[in-house]
Amino acid sequence: MSLSNNLWESRQYSSEIKFLISTAQADDVRKWARAHLDRDLHGSGDMGDNYRITSIYFDTDKFDVYHRKGSFGRSKYRVRRYGEGDVAFLERKLKTKHMVCKWRSAVSVDEVNHLCEERSDGGWPGFWFHRRLLARKLKPICQISYLRTARVYMTNYGAVRLTLDQDLKAFAPITLGFNPTQEGIILNENRIILEMKYDVEMPALFRILVEEFNLNNQPFSKYRLAVKTLGYVKKPAKSGHKKAFQTTVYA
């Protein structure tokens, strides 16, 4: 991906539902998804739907994001890189009661270190992100990487997305840069994260998948798992998730 003068993006979905499934079940779900959904345009590999994601997450010294303290409980700030690309995305992910929103802009990977500076540069595309980090006293806490399989599908309400994330690893960064060797502590070794993203209502195709594989959704946060696994905090995070939906409502 090449940088241009306008790379600001705003994305929003009304629902983002996650499931933790076994590796064996993930193989079956992956086959199903490849038979019913289109590949991600940015994917690679034999089926054109795989890529590695590496993200650096930010929090305060007191881990207010992890503990969902006040407004910190609604937003996550991260820097994301796809594969070994030259572009990094500065992202703010906001969760409210009814919607998940994401704002992001792209900068060169070499420019990520600008976030270490004590003042934000108004002429830099990442100014808005850097300014928020400084205002909220956020600093890099951990790096998380994983291999993703992504499939997409177009509905009357727009595109929907299904992803399977595996090989999760967490790494405590020494500097604000990406770890090219993908080292770290293995997270969630025996489970794969299946996620469905859609707008307005769950598409019929996803309902079929849920029923066919008897899936039960549950809250899951890669960041919170990494924080606990790396030994940063001892107290459990407060529960802020809604009650899991019952798959029988779609019968």
C-alpha atoms as a PDB file:
ATOM      1  CA  MET A   1       0.000   0.000   0.000  1.00  0.00           C
ATOM      2  CA  SER A   2       1.329   3.440  -0.913  1.00  0.00           C
ATOM      3  CA  LEU A   3       0.734   6.555   1.142  1.00  0.00           C
ATOM      4  CA  SER A   4      -1.364   9.399  -0.236  1.00  0.00           C
ATOM      5  CA  ASN A   5      -2.460  12.803   1.050  1.00  0.00           C
ATOM      6  CA  ASN A   6      -5.788  11.477   2.307  1.00  0.00           C
ATOM      7  CA  LEU A   7      -5.720   8.167   4.148  1.00  0.00           C
ATOM      8  CA  TRP A   8      -8.172   8.930   6.925  1.00  0.00           C
ATOM      9  CA  GLU A   9     -10.750   6.184   7.358  1.00  0.00           C
ATOM     10  CA  SER A  10     -13.832   5.841   9.531  1.00  0.00           C
ATOM     11  CA  ARG A  11     -15.443   2.429   9.889  1.00  0.00           C
ATOM     12  CA  GLN A  12     -18.378   1.351  11.991  1.00  0.00           C
ATOM     13  CA  TYR A  13     -20.340  -1.820  12.613  1.00  0.00           C
ATOM     14  CA  SER A  14     -23.429  -2.232  14.747  1.00  0.00           C
ATOM     15  CA  SER A  15     -22.267  -5.644  15.932  1.00  0.00           C
ATOM     16  CA  GLU A  16     -18.987  -7.425  16.538  1.00  0.00           C
ATOM     17  CA  ILE A  17     -19.451 -10.950  17.903  1.00  0.00           C
ATOM     18  CA  LYS A  18     -16.681 -13.334  18.966  1.00  0.00           C
ATOM     19  CA  PHE A  19     -16.508 -17.082  19.516  1.00  0.00           C
ATOM     20  CA  LEU A  20     -13.694 -19.206  20.958  1.00  0.00           C
ATOM     21  CA  ILE A  21     -13.473 -22.501  19.099  1.00  0.00           C
ATOM     22  CA  SER A  22     -11.091 -25.461  18.977  1.00  0.00           C
ATOM     23  CA  THR A  23      -8.461 -25.790  16.283  1.00  0.00           C
ATOM     24  CA  ALA A  24     -10.314 -28.777  14.814  1.00  0.00           C
ATOM     25  CA  GLN A  25     -13.575 -26.858  14.632  1.00  0.00           C
ATOM     26  CA  ALA A  26     -11.732 -23.878  13.175  1.00  0.00           C
ATOM     27  CA  ASP A  27     -10.566 -26.038  10.271  1.00  0.00           C
ATOM     28  CA  ASP A  28     -14.178 -26.931   9.493  1.00  0.00           C
ATOM     29  CA  VAL A  29     -15.369 -23.335   9.850  1.00  0.00           C
ATOM     30  CA  ARG A  30     -12.557 -22.167   7.578  1.00  0.00           C
ATOM     31  CA  LYS A  31     -13.615 -24.659   4.890  1.00  0.00           C
ATOM     32  CA  TRP A  32     -17.208 -23.514   5.238  1.00  0.00           C
ATOM     33  CA  ALA A  33     -16.240 -19.842   5.004  1.00  0.00           C
ATOM     34  CA  ARG A  34     -14.136 -20.426   1.896  1.00  0.00           C
ATOM     35  CA  ALA A  35     -17.060 -22.170   0.239  1.00  0.00           C
ATOM     36  CA  HIS A  36     -19.620 -19.450   1.049  1.00  0.00           C
ATOM     37  CA  LEU A  37     -17.731 -16.146   1.350  1.00  0.00           C
ATOM     38  CA  ASP A  38     -15.280 -14.236  -0.817  1.00  0.00           C
ATOM     39  CA  ARG A  39     -11.612 -13.849   0.017  1.00  0.00           C
ATOM     40  CA  ASP A  40     -10.245 -10.663   1.519  1.00  0.00           C
ATOM     41  CA  LEU A  41      -8.708  -8.461  -1.171  1.00  0.00           C
ATOM     42  CA  HIS A  42      -5.636  -7.876   0.993  1.00  0.00           C
ATOM     43  CA  GLY A  43      -5.041 -11.560   1.756  1.00  0.00           C
ATOM     44  CA  SER A  44      -2.249 -13.810   0.560  1.00  0.00           C
ATOM     45  CA  GLY A  45      -1.368 -17.493   0.744  1.00  0.00           C
ATOM     46  CA  ASP A  46      -2.744 -20.364  -1.329  1.00  0.00           C
ATOM     47  CA  MET A  47      -6.356 -19.287  -0.764  1.00  0.00           C
ATOM     48  CA  GLY A  48      -5.675 -15.558  -0.849  1.00  0.00           C
ATOM     49  CA  ASP A  49      -7.205 -14.892   2.579  1.00  0.00           C
ATOM     50  CA  ASN A  50      -4.330 -15.010   5.090  1.00  0.00           C
ATOM     51  CA  TYR A  51      -2.162 -12.279   6.564  1.00  0.00           C
ATOM     52  CA  ARG A  52      -0.354 -11.531   9.798  1.00  0.00           C
ATOM     53  CA  ILE A  53      -1.389  -8.624  11.993  1.00  0.00           C
ATOM     54  CA  THR A  54       0.895  -6.960  14.533  1.00  0.00           C
ATOM     55  CA  SER A  55      -0.507  -4.323  16.883  1.00  0.00           C
ATOM     56  CA  ILE A  56       1.001  -2.157  19.613  1.00  0.00           C
ATOM     57  CA  TYR A  57      -1.516  -1.309  22.360  1.00  0.00           C
ATOM     58  CA  PHE A  58      -1.462   1.718  24.679  1.00  0.00           C
ATOM     59  CA  ASP A  59      -2.572   2.192  28.272  1.00  0.00           C
ATOM     60  CA  THR A  60      -1.852   4.403  31.280  1.00  0.00           C
ATOM     61  CA  ASP A  61       0.578   3.643  34.102  1.00  0.00           C
ATOM     62  CA  LYS A  62      -2.407   2.503  36.163  1.00  0.00           C
ATOM     63  CA  PHE A  63      -3.846   0.402  33.328  1.00  0.00           C
ATOM     64  CA  ASP A  64      -7.057   2.401  33.177  1.00  0.00           C
ATOM     65  CA  VAL A  65      -7.915   0.928  29.762  1.00  0.00           C
ATOM     66  CA  TYR A  66      -7.544  -2.618  31.068  1.00  0.00           C
ATOM     67  CA  HIS A  67      -9.658  -1.832  34.156  1.00  0.00           C
ATOM     68  CA  ARG A  68     -12.247   0.035  32.044  1.00  0.00           C
ATOM     69  CA  LYS A  69     -12.016   3.117  34.226  1.00  0.00           C
ATOM     70  CA  GLY A  70     -14.420   5.824  33.097  1.00  0.00           C
ATOM     71  CA  SER A  71     -14.004   6.853  29.464  1.00  0.00           C
ATOM     72  CA  PHE A  72     -10.936   4.601  29.187  1.00  0.00           C
ATOM     73  CA  GLY A  73     -13.298   1.645  29.179  1.00  0.00           C
ATOM     74  CA  ARG A  74     -14.816   2.655  25.865  1.00  0.00           C
ATOM     75  CA  SER A  75     -11.728   3.296  23.753  1.00  0.00           C
ATOM     76  CA  LYS A  76      -8.591   1.417  22.741  1.00  0.00           C
ATOM     77  CA  TYR A  77      -5.616   3.038  21.017  1.00  0.00           C
ATOM     78  CA  ARG A  78      -3.278   0.932  18.934  1.00  0.00           C
ATOM     79  CA  VAL A  79      -0.815   1.033  16.050  1.00  0.00           C
ATOM     80  CA  ARG A  80      -1.364  -1.777  13.554  1.00  0.00           C
ATOM     81  CA  ARG A  81       0.772  -3.261  10.805  1.00  0.00           C
ATOM     82  CA  TYR A  82      -0.180  -5.867   8.224  1.00  0.00           C
ATOM     83  CA  GLY A  83       2.537  -8.370   7.385  1.00  0.00           C
ATOM     84  CA  GLU A  84       5.870  -6.700   6.697  1.00  0.00           C
ATOM     85  CA  GLY A  85       4.257  -3.705   5.018  1.00  0.00           C
ATOM     86  CA  ASP A  86       5.728  -0.214   5.013  1.00  0.00           C
ATOM     87  CA  VAL A  87       2.502   1.347   6.294  1.00  0.00           C
ATOM     88  CA  ALA A  88       1.267   1.485   9.892  1.00  0.00           C
ATOM     89  CA  PHE A  89      -2.286   2.391  10.891  1.00  0.00           C
ATOM     90  CA  LEU A  90      -2.960   4.593  13.904  1.00  0.00           C
ATOM     91  CA  GLU A  91      -6.299   3.447  15.269  1.00  0.00           C
ATOM     92  CA  ARG A  92      -8.818   4.458  17.877  1.00  0.00           C
ATOM     93  CA  LYS A  93     -11.476   1.806  18.494  1.00  0.00           C
ATOM     94  CA  LEU A  94     -14.560   3.009  20.338  1.00  0.00           C
ATOM     95  CA  LYS A  95     -17.227   0.754  21.821  1.00  0.00           C
ATOM     96  CA  THR A  96     -20.599   2.034  22.973  1.00  0.00           C
ATOM     97  CA  LYS A  97     -23.737   0.198  24.000  1.00  0.00           C
ATOM     98  CA  HIS A  98     -25.033  -0.119  20.459  1.00  0.00           C
ATOM     99  CA  MET A  99     -22.060   0.317  18.145  1.00  0.00           C
ATOM    100  CA  VAL A 100     -18.394  -0.387  17.528  1.00  0.00           C
ATOM    101  CA  CYS A 101     -16.559   2.381  15.659  1.00  0.00           C
ATOM    102  CA  LYS A 102     -12.992   2.672  14.423  1.00  0.00           C
ATOM    103  CA  TRP A 103     -11.079   5.701  13.216  1.00  0.00           C
ATOM    104  CA  ARG A 104      -7.670   5.323  11.667  1.00  0.00           C
ATOM    105  CA  SER A 105      -5.087   7.012   9.498  1.00  0.00           C
ATOM    106  CA  ALA A 106      -1.978   5.655   7.791  1.00  0.00           C
ATOM    107  CA  VAL A 107       1.642   6.681   8.222  1.00  0.00           C
ATOM    108  CA  SER A 108       4.966   5.200   7.225  1.00  0.00           C
ATOM    109  CA  VAL A 109       6.307   2.544   9.599  1.00  0.00           C
ATOM    110  CA  ASP A 110       9.405   4.707   9.972  1.00  0.00           C
ATOM    111  CA  GLU A 111       7.230   7.534  11.332  1.00  0.00           C
ATOM    112  CA  VAL A 112       5.736   5.576  14.223  1.00  0.00           C
ATOM    113  CA  ASN A 113       8.534   6.779  16.505  1.00  0.00           C
ATOM    114  CA  HIS A 114       7.051  10.287  16.257  1.00  0.00           C
ATOM    115  CA  LEU A 115       4.631   9.064  18.914  1.00  0.00           C
ATOM    116  CA  CYS A 116       7.519   9.077  21.409  1.00  0.00           C
ATOM    117  CA  GLU A 117       7.925  12.850  21.125  1.00  0.00           C
ATOM    118  CA  GLU A 118       6.614  15.097  23.883  1.00  0.00           C
ATOM    119  CA  ARG A 119       4.774  17.405  21.487  1.00  0.00           C
ATOM    120  CA  SER A 120       2.482  16.580  18.586  1.00  0.00           C
ATOM    121  CA  ASP A 121       3.149  17.951  15.118  1.00  0.00           C
ATOM    122  CA  GLY A 122       0.060  19.577  13.596  1.00  0.00           C
ATOM    123  CA  GLY A 123       1.347  18.928  10.085  1.00  0.00           C
ATOM    124  CA  TRP A 124       1.723  15.175  10.549  1.00  0.00           C
ATOM    125  CA  PRO A 125      -1.132  12.817   9.495  1.00  0.00           C
ATOM    126  CA  GLY A 126      -0.893  11.127  12.899  1.00  0.00           C
ATOM    127  CA  PHE A 127      -1.337  14.407  14.776  1.00  0.00           C
ATOM    128  CA  TRP A 128      -4.834  13.555  16.039  1.00  0.00           C
ATOM    129  CA  PHE A 129      -3.671  10.190  17.408  1.00  0.00           C
ATOM    130  CA  HIS A 130      -0.508  11.554  19.021  1.00  0.00           C
ATOM    131  CA  ARG A 131      -2.435  14.418  20.610  1.00  0.00           C
ATOM    132  CA  ARG A 132      -4.878  11.964  22.209  1.00  0.00           C
ATOM    133  CA  LEU A 133      -2.049   9.786  23.535  1.00  0.00           C
ATOM    134  CA  LEU A 134      -0.480  12.808  25.209  1.00  0.00           C
ATOM    135  CA  ALA A 135      -3.776  14.116  26.595  1.00  0.00           C
ATOM    136  CA  ARG A 136      -4.716  10.739  28.070  1.00  0.00           C
ATOM    137  CA  LYS A 137      -1.152   9.899  29.172  1.00  0.00           C
ATOM    138  CA  LEU A 138      -1.093   6.659  27.214  1.00  0.00           C
ATOM    139  CA  LYS A 139       2.106   4.730  26.560  1.00  0.00           C
ATOM    140  CA  PRO A 140       2.934   1.516  24.660  1.00  0.00           C
ATOM    141  CA  ILE A 141       2.169  -1.528  26.819  1.00  0.00           C
ATOM    142  CA  CYS A 142       2.447  -4.591  24.625  1.00  0.00           C
ATOM    143  CA  GLN A 143       2.709  -5.888  21.106  1.00  0.00           C
ATOM    144  CA  ILE A 144       0.316  -8.607  19.938  1.00  0.00           C
ATOM    145  CA  SER A 145       0.673 -10.563  16.706  1.00  0.00           C
ATOM    146  CA  TYR A 146      -1.485 -13.242  15.121  1.00  0.00           C
ATOM    147  CA  LEU A 147      -2.266 -14.931  11.834  1.00  0.00           C
ATOM    148  CA  ARG A 148      -5.675 -14.059  10.400  1.00  0.00           C
ATOM    149  CA  THR A 149      -7.922 -15.760   7.870  1.00  0.00           C
ATOM    150  CA  ALA A 150     -10.456 -13.245   6.518  1.00  0.00           C
ATOM    151  CA  ARG A 151     -13.515 -13.742   4.319  1.00  0.00           C
ATOM    152  CA  VAL A 152     -16.070 -11.132   3.259  1.00  0.00           C
ATOM    153  CA  TYR A 153     -19.613 -11.104   1.907  1.00  0.00           C
ATOM    154  CA  MET A 154     -21.882  -8.387   0.487  1.00  0.00           C
ATOM    155  CA  THR A 155     -25.426  -8.010   1.851  1.00  0.00           C
ATOM    156  CA  ASN A 156     -28.214  -5.485   1.334  1.00  0.00           C
ATOM    157  CA  TYR A 157     -26.795  -3.530   4.275  1.00  0.00           C
ATOM    158  CA  GLY A 158     -23.213  -3.565   3.032  1.00  0.00           C
ATOM    159  CA  ALA A 159     -20.188  -5.779   3.488  1.00  0.00           C
ATOM    160  CA  VAL A 160     -19.945  -8.259   6.368  1.00  0.00           C
ATOM    161  CA  ARG A 161     -16.760  -9.916   7.564  1.00  0.00           C
ATOM    162  CA  LEU A 162     -15.703 -13.211   9.124  1.00  0.00           C
ATOM    163  CA  THR A 163     -12.224 -13.704  10.583  1.00  0.00           C
ATOM    164  CA  LEU A 164     -10.317 -16.529  12.269  1.00  0.00           C
ATOM    165  CA  ASP A 165      -7.308 -15.515  14.386  1.00  0.00           C
ATOM    166  CA  GLN A 166      -4.647 -17.980  15.517  1.00  0.00           C
ATOM    167  CA  ASP A 167      -1.011 -18.125  16.649  1.00  0.00           C
ATOM    168  CA  LEU A 168      -1.505 -15.280  19.124  1.00  0.00           C
ATOM    169  CA  LYS A 169       1.683 -13.974  20.705  1.00  0.00           C
ATOM    170  CA  ALA A 170       2.329 -11.118  23.135  1.00  0.00           C
ATOM    171  CA  PHE A 171       5.555  -9.177  23.489  1.00  0.00           C
ATOM    172  CA  ALA A 172       6.499  -6.376  25.876  1.00  0.00           C
ATOM    173  CA  PRO A 173       8.047  -3.674  23.636  1.00  0.00           C
ATOM    174  CA  ILE A 174      11.285  -2.000  24.656  1.00  0.00           C
ATOM    175  CA  THR A 175      10.803   0.746  22.081  1.00  0.00           C
ATOM    176  CA  LEU A 176       7.853   1.969  20.040  1.00  0.00           C
ATOM    177  CA  GLY A 177       8.581  -0.260  17.076  1.00  0.00           C
ATOM    178  CA  PHE A 178       7.454  -3.565  15.623  1.00  0.00           C
ATOM    179  CA  ASN A 179       9.234  -6.788  16.524  1.00  0.00           C
ATOM    180  CA  PRO A 180      10.134  -8.327  13.145  1.00  0.00           C
ATOM    181  CA  THR A 181      11.029 -11.739  14.587  1.00  0.00           C
ATOM    182  CA  GLN A 182       7.474 -12.225  15.923  1.00  0.00           C
ATOM    183  CA  GLU A 183       8.778 -13.497  19.242  1.00  0.00           C
ATOM    184  CA  GLY A 184       6.712 -13.429  22.407  1.00  0.00           C
ATOM    185  CA  ILE A 185       4.591 -15.412  24.816  1.00  0.00           C
ATOM    186  CA  ILE A 186       1.986 -17.670  23.229  1.00  0.00           C
ATOM    187  CA  LEU A 187      -1.612 -16.686  24.057  1.00  0.00           C
ATOM    188  CA  ASN A 188      -4.712 -18.866  23.872  1.00  0.00           C
ATOM    189  CA  GLU A 189      -2.789 -21.786  22.376  1.00  0.00           C
ATOM    190  CA  ASN A 190      -5.653 -24.274  22.047  1.00  0.00           C
ATOM    191  CA  ARG A 191      -8.388 -21.915  20.880  1.00  0.00           C
ATOM    192  CA  ILE A 192      -9.045 -19.958  17.698  1.00  0.00           C
ATOM    193  CA  ILE A 193     -10.902 -16.639  17.759  1.00  0.00           C
ATOM    194  CA  LEU A 194     -13.814 -16.553  15.336  1.00  0.00           C
ATOM    195  CA  GLU A 195     -15.284 -13.106  14.830  1.00  0.00           C
ATOM    196  CA  MET A 196     -18.270 -11.849  12.846  1.00  0.00           C
ATOM    197  CA  LYS A 197     -18.727  -8.171  11.972  1.00  0.00           C
ATOM    198  CA  TYR A 198     -21.881  -6.834  10.374  1.00  0.00           C
ATOM    199  CA  ASP A 199     -24.137  -3.815  10.229  1.00  0.00           C
ATOM    200  CA  VAL A 200     -27.835  -3.563  11.222  1.00  0.00           C
ATOM    201  CA  GLU A 201     -28.594  -7.282  11.657  1.00  0.00           C
ATOM    202  CA  MET A 202     -26.892 -10.655  11.494  1.00  0.00           C
ATOM    203  CA  PRO A 203     -27.041 -11.912   7.884  1.00  0.00           C
ATOM    204  CA  ALA A 204     -28.787 -15.211   7.200  1.00  0.00           C
ATOM    205  CA  LEU A 205     -25.507 -16.792   6.147  1.00  0.00           C
ATOM    206  CA  PHE A 206     -23.987 -16.139   9.573  1.00  0.00           C
ATOM    207  CA  ARG A 207     -27.086 -17.521  11.301  1.00  0.00           C
ATOM    208  CA  ILE A 208     -26.682 -20.730   9.323  1.00  0.00           C
ATOM    209  CA  LEU A 209     -23.035 -20.950  10.397  1.00  0.00           C
ATOM    210  CA  VAL A 210     -23.913 -20.408  14.077  1.00  0.00           C
ATOM    211  CA  GLU A 211     -26.564 -23.110  14.007  1.00  0.00           C
ATOM    212  CA  GLU A 212     -24.619 -25.606  11.901  1.00  0.00           C
ATOM    213  CA  PHE A 213     -21.599 -25.517  14.202  1.00  0.00           C
ATOM    214  CA  ASN A 214     -23.567 -24.944  17.428  1.00  0.00           C
ATOM    215  CA  LEU A 215     -21.574 -21.806  18.242  1.00  0.00           C
ATOM    216  CA  ASN A 216     -21.957 -19.845  21.474  1.00  0.00           C
ATOM    217  CA  ASN A 217     -20.485 -16.374  21.569  1.00  0.00           C
ATOM    218  CA  GLN A 218     -18.462 -15.063  24.481  1.00  0.00           C
ATOM    219  CA  PRO A 219     -16.504 -11.892  25.269  1.00  0.00           C
ATOM    220  CA  PHE A 220     -12.813 -11.971  24.485  1.00  0.00           C
ATOM    221  CA  SER A 221     -10.098  -9.325  24.405  1.00  0.00           C
ATOM    222  CA  LYS A 222      -6.648 -10.003  23.002  1.00  0.00           C
ATOM    223  CA  TYR A 223      -5.312  -7.002  24.862  1.00  0.00           C
ATOM    224  CA  ARG A 224      -6.645  -8.028  28.271  1.00  0.00           C
ATOM    225  CA  LEU A 225      -5.384 -11.558  27.820  1.00  0.00           C
ATOM    226  CA  ALA A 226      -1.932 -10.214  26.924  1.00  0.00           C
ATOM    227  CA  VAL A 227      -1.830  -7.892  29.942  1.00  0.00           C
ATOM    228  CA  LYS A 228      -2.677 -10.758  32.305  1.00  0.00           C
ATOM    229  CA  THR A 229      -0.301 -13.215  30.619  1.00  0.00           C
ATOM    230  CA  LEU A 230       2.594 -10.751  30.722  1.00  0.00           C
ATOM    231  CA  GLY A 231       1.974 -10.286  34.464  1.00  0.00           C
ATOM    232  CA  TYR A 232       1.219  -6.567  34.349  1.00  0.00           C
ATOM    233  CA  VAL A 233      -1.838  -6.717  36.600  1.00  0.00           C
ATOM    234  CA  LYS A 234      -3.135  -9.006  39.327  1.00  0.00           C
ATOM    235  CA  LYS A 235      -6.692  -7.762  39.816  1.00  0.00           C
ATOM    236  CA  PRO A 236      -9.233  -8.963  37.227  1.00  0.00           C
ATOM    237  CA  ALA A 237     -10.727  -6.388  34.885  1.00  0.00           C
ATOM    238  CA  LYS A 238     -14.284  -5.273  35.543  1.00  0.00           C
ATOM    239  CA  SER A 239     -16.861  -6.946  33.375  1.00  0.00           C
ATOM    240  CA  GLY A 240     -18.317  -4.546  30.862  1.00  0.00           C
ATOM    241  CA  HIS A 241     -19.660  -6.977  28.305  1.00  0.00           C
ATOM    242  CA  LYS A 242     -23.257  -7.586  27.416  1.00  0.00           C
ATOM    243  CA  LYS A 243     -24.853 -10.942  28.044  1.00  0.00           C
ATOM    244  CA  ALA A 244     -24.124 -13.422  25.280  1.00  0.00           C
ATOM    245  CA  PHE A 245     -26.936 -13.878  22.790  1.00  0.00           C
ATOM    246  CA  GLN A 246     -28.751 -17.181  22.560  1.00  0.00           C
ATOM    247  CA  THR A 247     -28.360 -18.836  19.191  1.00  0.00           C
ATOM    248  CA  THR A 248     -31.865 -20.293  19.430  1.00  0.00           C
ATOM    249  CA  VAL A 249     -33.400 -16.907  18.620  1.00  0.00           C
ATOM    250  CA  TYR A 250     -32.372 -17.501  15.020  1.00  0.00           C
ATOM    251  CA  ALA A 251     -34.105 -20.863  14.703  1.00  0.00           C
END
